[in-house]
C-alpha atoms as a PDB file:
ATOM      1  CA  MET A   1      41.028 -35.146   4.142  1.00  0.00           C
ATOM      2  CA  MET A   2      41.402 -33.910   0.955  1.00  0.00           C
ATOM      3  CA  MET A   3      37.527 -34.989   0.178  1.00  0.00           C
ATOM      4  CA  ARG A   4      36.213 -32.898   2.535  1.00  0.00           C
ATOM      5  CA  VAL A   5      38.255 -29.964   1.423  1.00  0.00           C
ATOM      6  CA  GLY A   6      37.144 -30.671  -1.764  1.00  0.00           C
ATOM      7  CA  ARG A   7      33.604 -31.471  -0.942  1.00  0.00           C
ATOM      8  CA  CYS A   8      33.357 -27.811   0.841  1.00  0.00           C
ATOM      9  CA  THR A   9      34.484 -25.667  -1.831  1.00  0.00           C
ATOM     10  CA  PHE A  10      32.132 -27.049  -4.142  1.00  0.00           C
ATOM     11  CA  PHE A  11      29.077 -26.552  -1.483  1.00  0.00           C
ATOM     12  CA  LEU A  12      30.617 -22.594  -1.236  1.00  0.00           C
ATOM     13  CA  GLN A  13      30.804 -22.383  -5.028  1.00  0.00           C
ATOM     14  CA  ALA A  14      27.085 -23.675  -5.116  1.00  0.00           C
ATOM     15  CA  VAL A  15      25.711 -21.600  -2.908  1.00  0.00           C
ATOM     16  CA  GLN A  16      27.611 -18.193  -4.004  1.00  0.00           C
ATOM     17  CA  CYS A  17      26.148 -19.222  -7.540  1.00  0.00           C
ATOM     18  CA  ALA A  18      22.999 -19.274  -6.192  1.00  0.00           C
ATOM     19  CA  PHE A  19      22.864 -16.412  -4.763  1.00  0.00           C
ATOM     20  CA  LEU A  20      24.284 -14.780  -8.011  1.00  0.00           C
ATOM     21  CA  PHE A  21      21.426 -16.154  -9.884  1.00  0.00           C
ATOM     22  CA  THR A  22      18.859 -15.288  -7.084  1.00  0.00           C
ATOM     23  CA  CYS A  23      20.086 -11.405  -7.668  1.00  0.00           C
ATOM     24  CA  LEU A  24      20.149 -11.835 -11.417  1.00  0.00           C
ATOM     25  CA  GLN A  25      16.619 -12.987 -11.345  1.00  0.00           C
ATOM     26  CA  LEU A  26      15.441 -10.390  -9.621  1.00  0.00           C
ATOM     27  CA  GLN A  27      17.109  -7.566 -11.717  1.00  0.00           C
ATOM     28  CA  HIS A  28      15.570  -9.176 -14.641  1.00  0.00           C
ATOM     29  CA  SER A  29      12.050  -9.100 -12.854  1.00  0.00           C
ATOM     30  CA  HIS A  30      12.474  -5.085 -12.787  1.00  0.00           C
ATOM     31  CA  ALA A  31      11.395  -5.309  -9.604  1.00  0.00           C
ATOM     32  CA  PHE A  32      15.076  -4.797  -7.789  1.00  0.00           C
ATOM     33  CA  THR A  33      18.152  -3.145  -9.207  1.00  0.00           C
ATOM     34  CA  ILE A  34      21.803  -3.804  -7.720  1.00  0.00           C
ATOM     35  CA  PRO A  35      23.700  -0.818  -7.845  1.00  0.00           C
ATOM     36  CA  ARG A  36      27.077  -1.176  -9.842  1.00  0.00           C
ATOM     37  CA  THR A  37      28.851  -1.180  -6.490  1.00  0.00           C
ATOM     38  CA  ALA A  38      26.956  -3.654  -4.748  1.00  0.00           C
ATOM     39  CA  ARG A  39      27.562  -5.942  -8.302  1.00  0.00           C
ATOM     40  CA  THR A  40      31.093  -5.214  -7.643  1.00  0.00           C
ATOM     41  CA  SER A  41      31.270  -6.385  -4.383  1.00  0.00           C
ATOM     42  CA  ILE A  42      29.381  -9.851  -4.839  1.00  0.00           C
ATOM     43  CA  ARG A  43      31.535 -10.413  -8.338  1.00  0.00           C
ATOM     44  CA  ASP A  44      34.971 -10.164  -5.881  1.00  0.00           C
ATOM     45  CA  SER A  45      33.867 -11.542  -2.484  1.00  0.00           C
ATOM     46  CA  GLY A  46      30.820 -12.705  -2.698  1.00  0.00           C
ATOM     47  CA  ILE A  47      28.910  -9.943  -0.057  1.00  0.00           C
ATOM     48  CA  VAL A  48      27.310  -6.811  -0.648  1.00  0.00           C
ATOM     49  CA  THR A  49      29.567  -3.796   0.954  1.00  0.00           C
ATOM     50  CA  SER A  50      28.278  -0.990  -0.184  1.00  0.00           C
ATOM     51  CA  THR A  51      25.409   0.759  -2.611  1.00  0.00           C
ATOM     52  CA  ASN A  52      24.954   4.375  -3.417  1.00  0.00           C
ATOM     53  CA  LEU A  53      21.115   4.454  -2.621  1.00  0.00           C
ATOM     54  CA  ASN A  54      20.141   7.412  -0.390  1.00  0.00           C
ATOM     55  CA  LEU A  55      16.911   9.343   1.066  1.00  0.00           C
ATOM     56  CA  GLN A  56      16.756  11.449  -1.992  1.00  0.00           C
ATOM     57  CA  ASP A  57      16.900   8.976  -4.402  1.00  0.00           C
ATOM     58  CA  LEU A  58      13.836   6.735  -2.934  1.00  0.00           C
ATOM     59  CA  LYS A  59      12.128  10.441  -2.774  1.00  0.00           C
ATOM     60  CA  SER A  60      12.435  11.122  -6.134  1.00  0.00           C
ATOM     61  CA  GLY A  61      12.592   8.053  -7.908  1.00  0.00           C
ATOM     62  CA  TYR A  62      14.659   9.218 -10.497  1.00  0.00           C
ATOM     63  CA  ASP A  63      17.981   7.750 -11.745  1.00  0.00           C
ATOM     64  CA  THR A  64      21.334   8.900 -10.133  1.00  0.00           C
ATOM     65  CA  ASP A  65      24.582   9.590 -11.774  1.00  0.00           C
ATOM     66  CA  ASP A  66      26.553   7.818  -8.771  1.00  0.00           C
ATOM     67  CA  GLY A  67      25.954   4.277 -10.149  1.00  0.00           C
ATOM     68  CA  TYR A  68      22.058   3.453  -9.392  1.00  0.00           C
ATOM     69  CA  GLU A  69      20.445   2.385 -12.599  1.00  0.00           C
ATOM     70  CA  ARG A  70      16.996   2.344 -12.231  1.00  0.00           C
ATOM     71  CA  PHE A  71      14.541   2.867  -9.072  1.00  0.00           C
ATOM     72  CA  LEU A  72      11.256   0.369  -9.573  1.00  0.00           C
ATOM     73  CA  TYR A  73       8.620   0.394  -6.941  1.00  0.00           C
ATOM     74  CA  SER A  74       6.923  -2.643  -8.185  1.00  0.00           C
ATOM     75  CA  SER A  75       7.132  -4.115 -11.822  1.00  0.00           C
ATOM     76  CA  LYS A  76       6.880  -1.246 -13.656  1.00  0.00           C
ATOM     77  CA  ARG A  77       8.811   2.346 -13.639  1.00  0.00           C
ATOM     78  CA  LYS A  78       7.070   4.916 -11.530  1.00  0.00           C
ATOM     79  CA  ARG A  79       7.968   8.944 -11.388  1.00  0.00           C
ATOM     80  CA  LEU A  80       6.808  11.286  -9.542  1.00  0.00           C
ATOM     81  CA  ASP A  81       5.344  14.402 -10.771  1.00  0.00           C
ATOM     82  CA  GLY A  82       4.884  17.505  -9.482  1.00  0.00           C
ATOM     83  CA  ASP A  83       5.368  18.188  -6.069  1.00  0.00           C
ATOM     84  CA  PRO A  84       4.959  15.280  -3.519  1.00  0.00           C
ATOM     85  CA  PRO A  85       1.783  14.901  -1.440  1.00  0.00           C
ATOM     86  CA  THR A  86       1.702  16.092   2.078  1.00  0.00           C
ATOM     87  CA  LEU A  87      -0.837  15.667   4.778  1.00  0.00           C
ATOM     88  CA  LYS A  88      -2.738  18.447   6.391  1.00  0.00           C
ATOM     89  CA  LYS A  89      -2.059  19.813  10.131  1.00  0.00           C
ATOM     90  CA  ASN A  90      -4.995  19.619  12.203  1.00  0.00           C
ATOM     91  CA  VAL A  91      -6.158  20.788  15.581  1.00  0.00           C
ATOM     92  CA  VAL A  92      -7.188  17.357  17.331  1.00  0.00           C
ATOM     93  CA  MET A  93     -10.221  17.122  20.113  1.00  0.00           C
ATOM     94  CA  ASN A  94      -9.415  15.722  23.666  1.00  0.00           C
ATOM     95  CA  SER A  95     -10.902  14.942  27.001  1.00  0.00           C
ATOM     96  CA  THR A  96     -10.034  17.972  28.470  1.00  0.00           C
ATOM     97  CA  ALA A  97     -11.769  20.250  25.586  1.00  0.00           C
ATOM     98  CA  ALA A  98     -15.132  17.970  25.365  1.00  0.00           C
ATOM     99  CA  LYS A  99     -15.549  18.220  29.231  1.00  0.00           C
ATOM    100  CA  HIS A 100     -15.649  22.306  28.739  1.00  0.00           C
ATOM    101  CA  GLY A 101     -18.069  22.643  26.112  1.00  0.00           C
ATOM    102  CA  ILE A 102     -20.611  19.900  27.907  1.00  0.00           C
ATOM    103  CA  ALA A 103     -19.818  22.020  30.831  1.00  0.00           C
ATOM    104  CA  CYS A 104     -20.791  25.169  29.392  1.00  0.00           C
ATOM    105  CA  ALA A 105     -23.914  23.712  27.642  1.00  0.00           C
ATOM    106  CA  VAL A 106     -24.700  22.165  31.215  1.00  0.00           C
ATOM    107  CA  GLU A 107     -24.470  25.353  32.971  1.00  0.00           C
ATOM    108  CA  ALA A 108     -26.542  27.021  30.348  1.00  0.00           C
ATOM    109  CA  ALA A 109     -28.919  24.207  30.732  1.00  0.00           C
ATOM    110  CA  HIS A 110     -29.324  24.739  34.486  1.00  0.00           C
ATOM    111  CA  SER A 111     -30.329  28.449  34.284  1.00  0.00           C
ATOM    112  CA  ALA A 112     -32.645  27.580  31.683  1.00  0.00           C
ATOM    113  CA  GLY A 113     -34.028  25.259  34.554  1.00  0.00           C
ATOM    114  CA  ILE A 114     -33.692  22.384  31.426  1.00  0.00           C
ATOM    115  CA  VAL A 115     -32.551  18.777  31.482  1.00  0.00           C
ATOM    116  CA  MET A 116     -30.558  16.809  29.165  1.00  0.00           C
ATOM    117  CA  THR A 117     -28.135  14.209  28.349  1.00  0.00           C
ATOM    118  CA  ILE A 118     -25.073  15.464  25.958  1.00  0.00           C
ATOM    119  CA  CYS A 119     -22.163  13.981  24.696  1.00  0.00           C
ATOM    120  CA  VAL A 120     -18.881  15.740  22.785  1.00  0.00           C
ATOM    121  CA  ALA A 121     -17.176  13.480  20.370  1.00  0.00           C
ATOM    122  CA  ASP A 122     -14.040  12.972  18.279  1.00  0.00           C
ATOM    123  CA  ALA A 123     -13.686  13.226  14.491  1.00  0.00           C
ATOM    124  CA  GLY A 124     -14.862   9.765  14.222  1.00  0.00           C
ATOM    125  CA  GLY A 125     -17.969  10.048  16.772  1.00  0.00           C
ATOM    126  CA  ILE A 126     -16.604   7.875  19.361  1.00  0.00           C
ATOM    127  CA  PRO A 127     -17.714   9.580  22.459  1.00  0.00           C
ATOM    128  CA  PHE A 128     -14.808  11.646  24.681  1.00  0.00           C
ATOM    129  CA  ALA A 129     -17.275  12.461  27.357  1.00  0.00           C
ATOM    130  CA  VAL A 130     -21.125  12.345  28.132  1.00  0.00           C
ATOM    131  CA  GLU A 131     -23.198  13.712  30.904  1.00  0.00           C
ATOM    132  CA  ARG A 132     -26.441  12.767  31.513  1.00  0.00           C
ATOM    133  CA  MET A 133     -28.492  15.180  33.757  1.00  0.00           C
ATOM    134  CA  ASP A 134     -30.646  14.521  36.619  1.00  0.00           C
ATOM    135  CA  GLY A 135     -34.224  13.801  35.899  1.00  0.00           C
ATOM    136  CA  VAL A 136     -33.695  13.209  32.073  1.00  0.00           C
ATOM    137  CA  PHE A 137     -34.795   9.655  30.567  1.00  0.00           C
ATOM    138  CA  ALA A 138     -32.107   6.824  29.879  1.00  0.00           C
ATOM    139  CA  ALA A 139     -32.386   6.284  26.555  1.00  0.00           C
ATOM    140  CA  THR A 140     -31.200  10.022  25.761  1.00  0.00           C
ATOM    141  CA  VAL A 141     -27.655   8.368  26.491  1.00  0.00           C
ATOM    142  CA  GLU A 142     -27.961   6.684  23.614  1.00  0.00           C
ATOM    143  CA  ILE A 143     -29.322   8.945  20.892  1.00  0.00           C
ATOM    144  CA  ALA A 144     -27.584  12.001  22.393  1.00  0.00           C
ATOM    145  CA  MET A 145     -24.095   9.848  21.595  1.00  0.00           C
ATOM    146  CA  GLY A 146     -25.675   8.837  17.595  1.00  0.00           C
ATOM    147  CA  LYS A 147     -26.466  12.237  17.539  1.00  0.00           C
ATOM    148  CA  ALA A 148     -22.603  12.846  17.753  1.00  0.00           C
ATOM    149  CA  LYS A 149     -21.736  10.529  16.045  1.00  0.00           C
ATOM    150  CA  THR A 150     -23.927  11.276  12.478  1.00  0.00           C
ATOM    151  CA  ALA A 151     -23.160  14.722  13.188  1.00  0.00           C
ATOM    152  CA  ALA A 152     -19.357  14.037  12.623  1.00  0.00           C
ATOM    153  CA  LEU A 153     -19.587  11.232  10.032  1.00  0.00           C
ATOM    154  CA  PHE A 154     -21.674  13.195   7.759  1.00  0.00           C
ATOM    155  CA  LYS A 155     -19.961  16.600   8.673  1.00  0.00           C
ATOM    156  CA  LYS A 156     -23.051  18.426   8.782  1.00  0.00           C
ATOM    157  CA  ASP A 157     -25.437  19.519  11.662  1.00  0.00           C
ATOM    158  CA  THR A 158     -28.414  16.519  11.972  1.00  0.00           C
ATOM    159  CA  MET A 159     -31.046  19.173  11.729  1.00  0.00           C
ATOM    160  CA  LEU A 160     -30.399  19.144   8.347  1.00  0.00           C
ATOM    161  CA  LEU A 161     -30.650  15.441   7.872  1.00  0.00           C
ATOM    162  CA  GLU A 162     -34.024  15.294   9.716  1.00  0.00           C
ATOM    163  CA  ASN A 163     -35.693  17.884   7.314  1.00  0.00           C
ATOM    164  CA  GLY A 164     -34.089  15.688   4.369  1.00  0.00           C
ATOM    165  CA  SER A 165     -35.779  12.778   6.117  1.00  0.00           C
ATOM    166  CA  ASN A 166     -38.945  13.785   6.812  1.00  0.00           C
ATOM    167  CA  THR A 167     -41.534  13.481   4.358  1.00  0.00           C
ATOM    168  CA  LYS A 168     -43.845  16.771   3.238  1.00  0.00           C
ATOM    169  CA  ASP A 169     -46.200  16.788   0.106  1.00  0.00           C
ATOM    170  CA  GLY A 170     -44.484  13.260  -1.029  1.00  0.00           C
ATOM    171  CA  ALA A 171     -41.240  14.559  -0.670  1.00  0.00           C
ATOM    172  CA  GLY A 172     -38.486  13.637   1.210  1.00  0.00           C
ATOM    173  CA  ARG A 173     -35.568  11.362   1.723  1.00  0.00           C
ATOM    174  CA  SER A 174     -37.593   8.570   4.063  1.00  0.00           C
ATOM    175  CA  SER A 175     -34.894   5.634   2.232  1.00  0.00           C
ATOM    176  CA  LEU A 176     -32.295   7.757   5.091  1.00  0.00           C
ATOM    177  CA  LEU A 177     -34.105   6.045   7.809  1.00  0.00           C
ATOM    178  CA  THR A 178     -32.446   2.706   6.734  1.00  0.00           C
ATOM    179  CA  ALA A 179     -28.877   4.096   7.176  1.00  0.00           C
ATOM    180  CA  GLY A 180     -28.228   3.239  10.953  1.00  0.00           C
ATOM    181  CA  TYR A 181     -27.911   7.051  11.959  1.00  0.00           C
ATOM    182  CA  ILE A 182     -29.816   8.818  14.126  1.00  0.00           C
ATOM    183  CA  LEU A 183     -31.290  11.864  11.555  1.00  0.00           C
ATOM    184  CA  MET A 184     -32.715  13.919  14.567  1.00  0.00           C
ATOM    185  CA  GLY A 185     -32.421  17.340  15.280  1.00  0.00           C
ATOM    186  CA  GLY A 186     -29.355  18.112  17.995  1.00  0.00           C
ATOM    187  CA  GLY A 187     -26.332  16.767  16.068  1.00  0.00           C
ATOM    188  CA  VAL A 188     -23.656  19.256  15.351  1.00  0.00           C
ATOM    189  CA  PRO A 189     -20.009  19.070  14.099  1.00  0.00           C
ATOM    190  CA  LEU A 190     -17.079  20.773  14.620  1.00  0.00           C
ATOM    191  CA  ILE A 191     -15.375  21.709  11.876  1.00  0.00           C
ATOM    192  CA  VAL A 192     -11.602  23.796  11.714  1.00  0.00           C
ATOM    193  CA  ASP A 193     -10.335  24.139   8.007  1.00  0.00           C
ATOM    194  CA  ASP A 194     -12.619  22.076   6.613  1.00  0.00           C
ATOM    195  CA  GLN A 195     -11.962  19.474   8.029  1.00  0.00           C
ATOM    196  CA  VAL A 196     -14.395  17.582  11.123  1.00  0.00           C
ATOM    197  CA  ILE A 197     -12.347  17.305  14.108  1.00  0.00           C
ATOM    198  CA  GLY A 198     -15.379  16.315  16.724  1.00  0.00           C
ATOM    199  CA  SER A 199     -19.029  16.786  17.081  1.00  0.00           C
ATOM    200  CA  CYS A 200     -21.761  17.425  19.729  1.00  0.00           C
ATOM    201  CA  GLY A 201     -25.105  15.650  20.397  1.00  0.00           C
ATOM    202  CA  VAL A 202     -28.075  16.798  22.495  1.00  0.00           C
ATOM    203  CA  SER A 203     -31.163  14.723  23.429  1.00  0.00           C
ATOM    204  CA  GLY A 204     -33.985  15.276  25.772  1.00  0.00           C
ATOM    205  CA  LEU A 205     -35.486  18.424  24.531  1.00  0.00           C
ATOM    206  CA  SER A 206     -37.216  19.317  21.100  1.00  0.00           C
ATOM    207  CA  PRO A 207     -34.576  19.160  18.274  1.00  0.00           C
ATOM    208  CA  GLN A 208     -34.267  22.885  18.015  1.00  0.00           C
ATOM    209  CA  GLU A 209     -33.419  22.869  21.594  1.00  0.00           C
ATOM    210  CA  ASP A 210     -31.288  20.316  21.517  1.00  0.00           C
ATOM    211  CA  ALA A 211     -29.184  21.888  18.532  1.00  0.00           C
ATOM    212  CA  GLU A 212     -29.118  25.209  20.386  1.00  0.00           C
ATOM    213  CA  PHE A 213     -27.434  23.448  23.484  1.00  0.00           C
ATOM    214  CA  ALA A 214     -25.142  21.120  20.957  1.00  0.00           C
ATOM    215  CA  GLU A 215     -23.903  24.726  19.317  1.00  0.00           C
ATOM    216  CA  ILE A 216     -23.479  26.139  22.678  1.00  0.00           C
ATOM    217  CA  ALA A 217     -20.831  23.063  23.812  1.00  0.00           C
ATOM    218  CA  ILE A 218     -19.592  23.564  19.924  1.00  0.00           C
ATOM    219  CA  LYS A 219     -18.729  27.009  20.525  1.00  0.00           C
ATOM    220  CA  ALA A 220     -17.150  26.587  23.726  1.00  0.00           C
ATOM    221  CA  ILE A 221     -14.645  24.653  22.379  1.00  0.00           C
ATOM    222  CA  GLN A 222     -13.854  26.847  19.460  1.00  0.00           C
ATOM    223  CA  ALA A 223     -12.823  29.500  21.591  1.00  0.00           C
ATOM    224  CA  LEU A 224     -10.129  27.061  23.159  1.00  0.00           C
ATOM    225  CA  ILE A 225      -8.576  26.956  19.786  1.00  0.00           C
END
């Protein structure tokens, strides 16, 4: 019986020593610092019962006066200078707004006696809603979606991209044609506070008319903001 007790005691001591050794190794690596209160608890009972770390310490990264010796992000101390980083709040496109913009543009197209395909997309160029009017050819669906995506990702009207890629008098960026985007007029981004929140692409008409009806949808959505 005495031998069993002795073995158990030896085993517990070995585990405790291994734990303390691991903590000291981590502390020496400058990737982890144990507060004094935690080390005292380890020495006395082998169990960490308290620390002096709080949220403000994490945010500032500076030394504290109540026992936290160093705060390290990785292998080297990093301090935050100046104001902390912030994120901009912005308007987010939704399907209701997208359908509203499309409805306004389609109504204008009906009044003009023309047909088209129109797409309204989010900030990443992913469609929220697409409408293909009766009588317009099928290829306009993918073209309108491509124009909306291109306008969103380039953050500019696709008419500008078309003009830039067209070669005239030996000048132009024809290499843009290999980029995999729709460089044709009719894509318009929706920009709020210098941030793209969506876009519209129209196909089935002339480049100028496509852009005109895309603008109608964009302005209808802007009026909701």
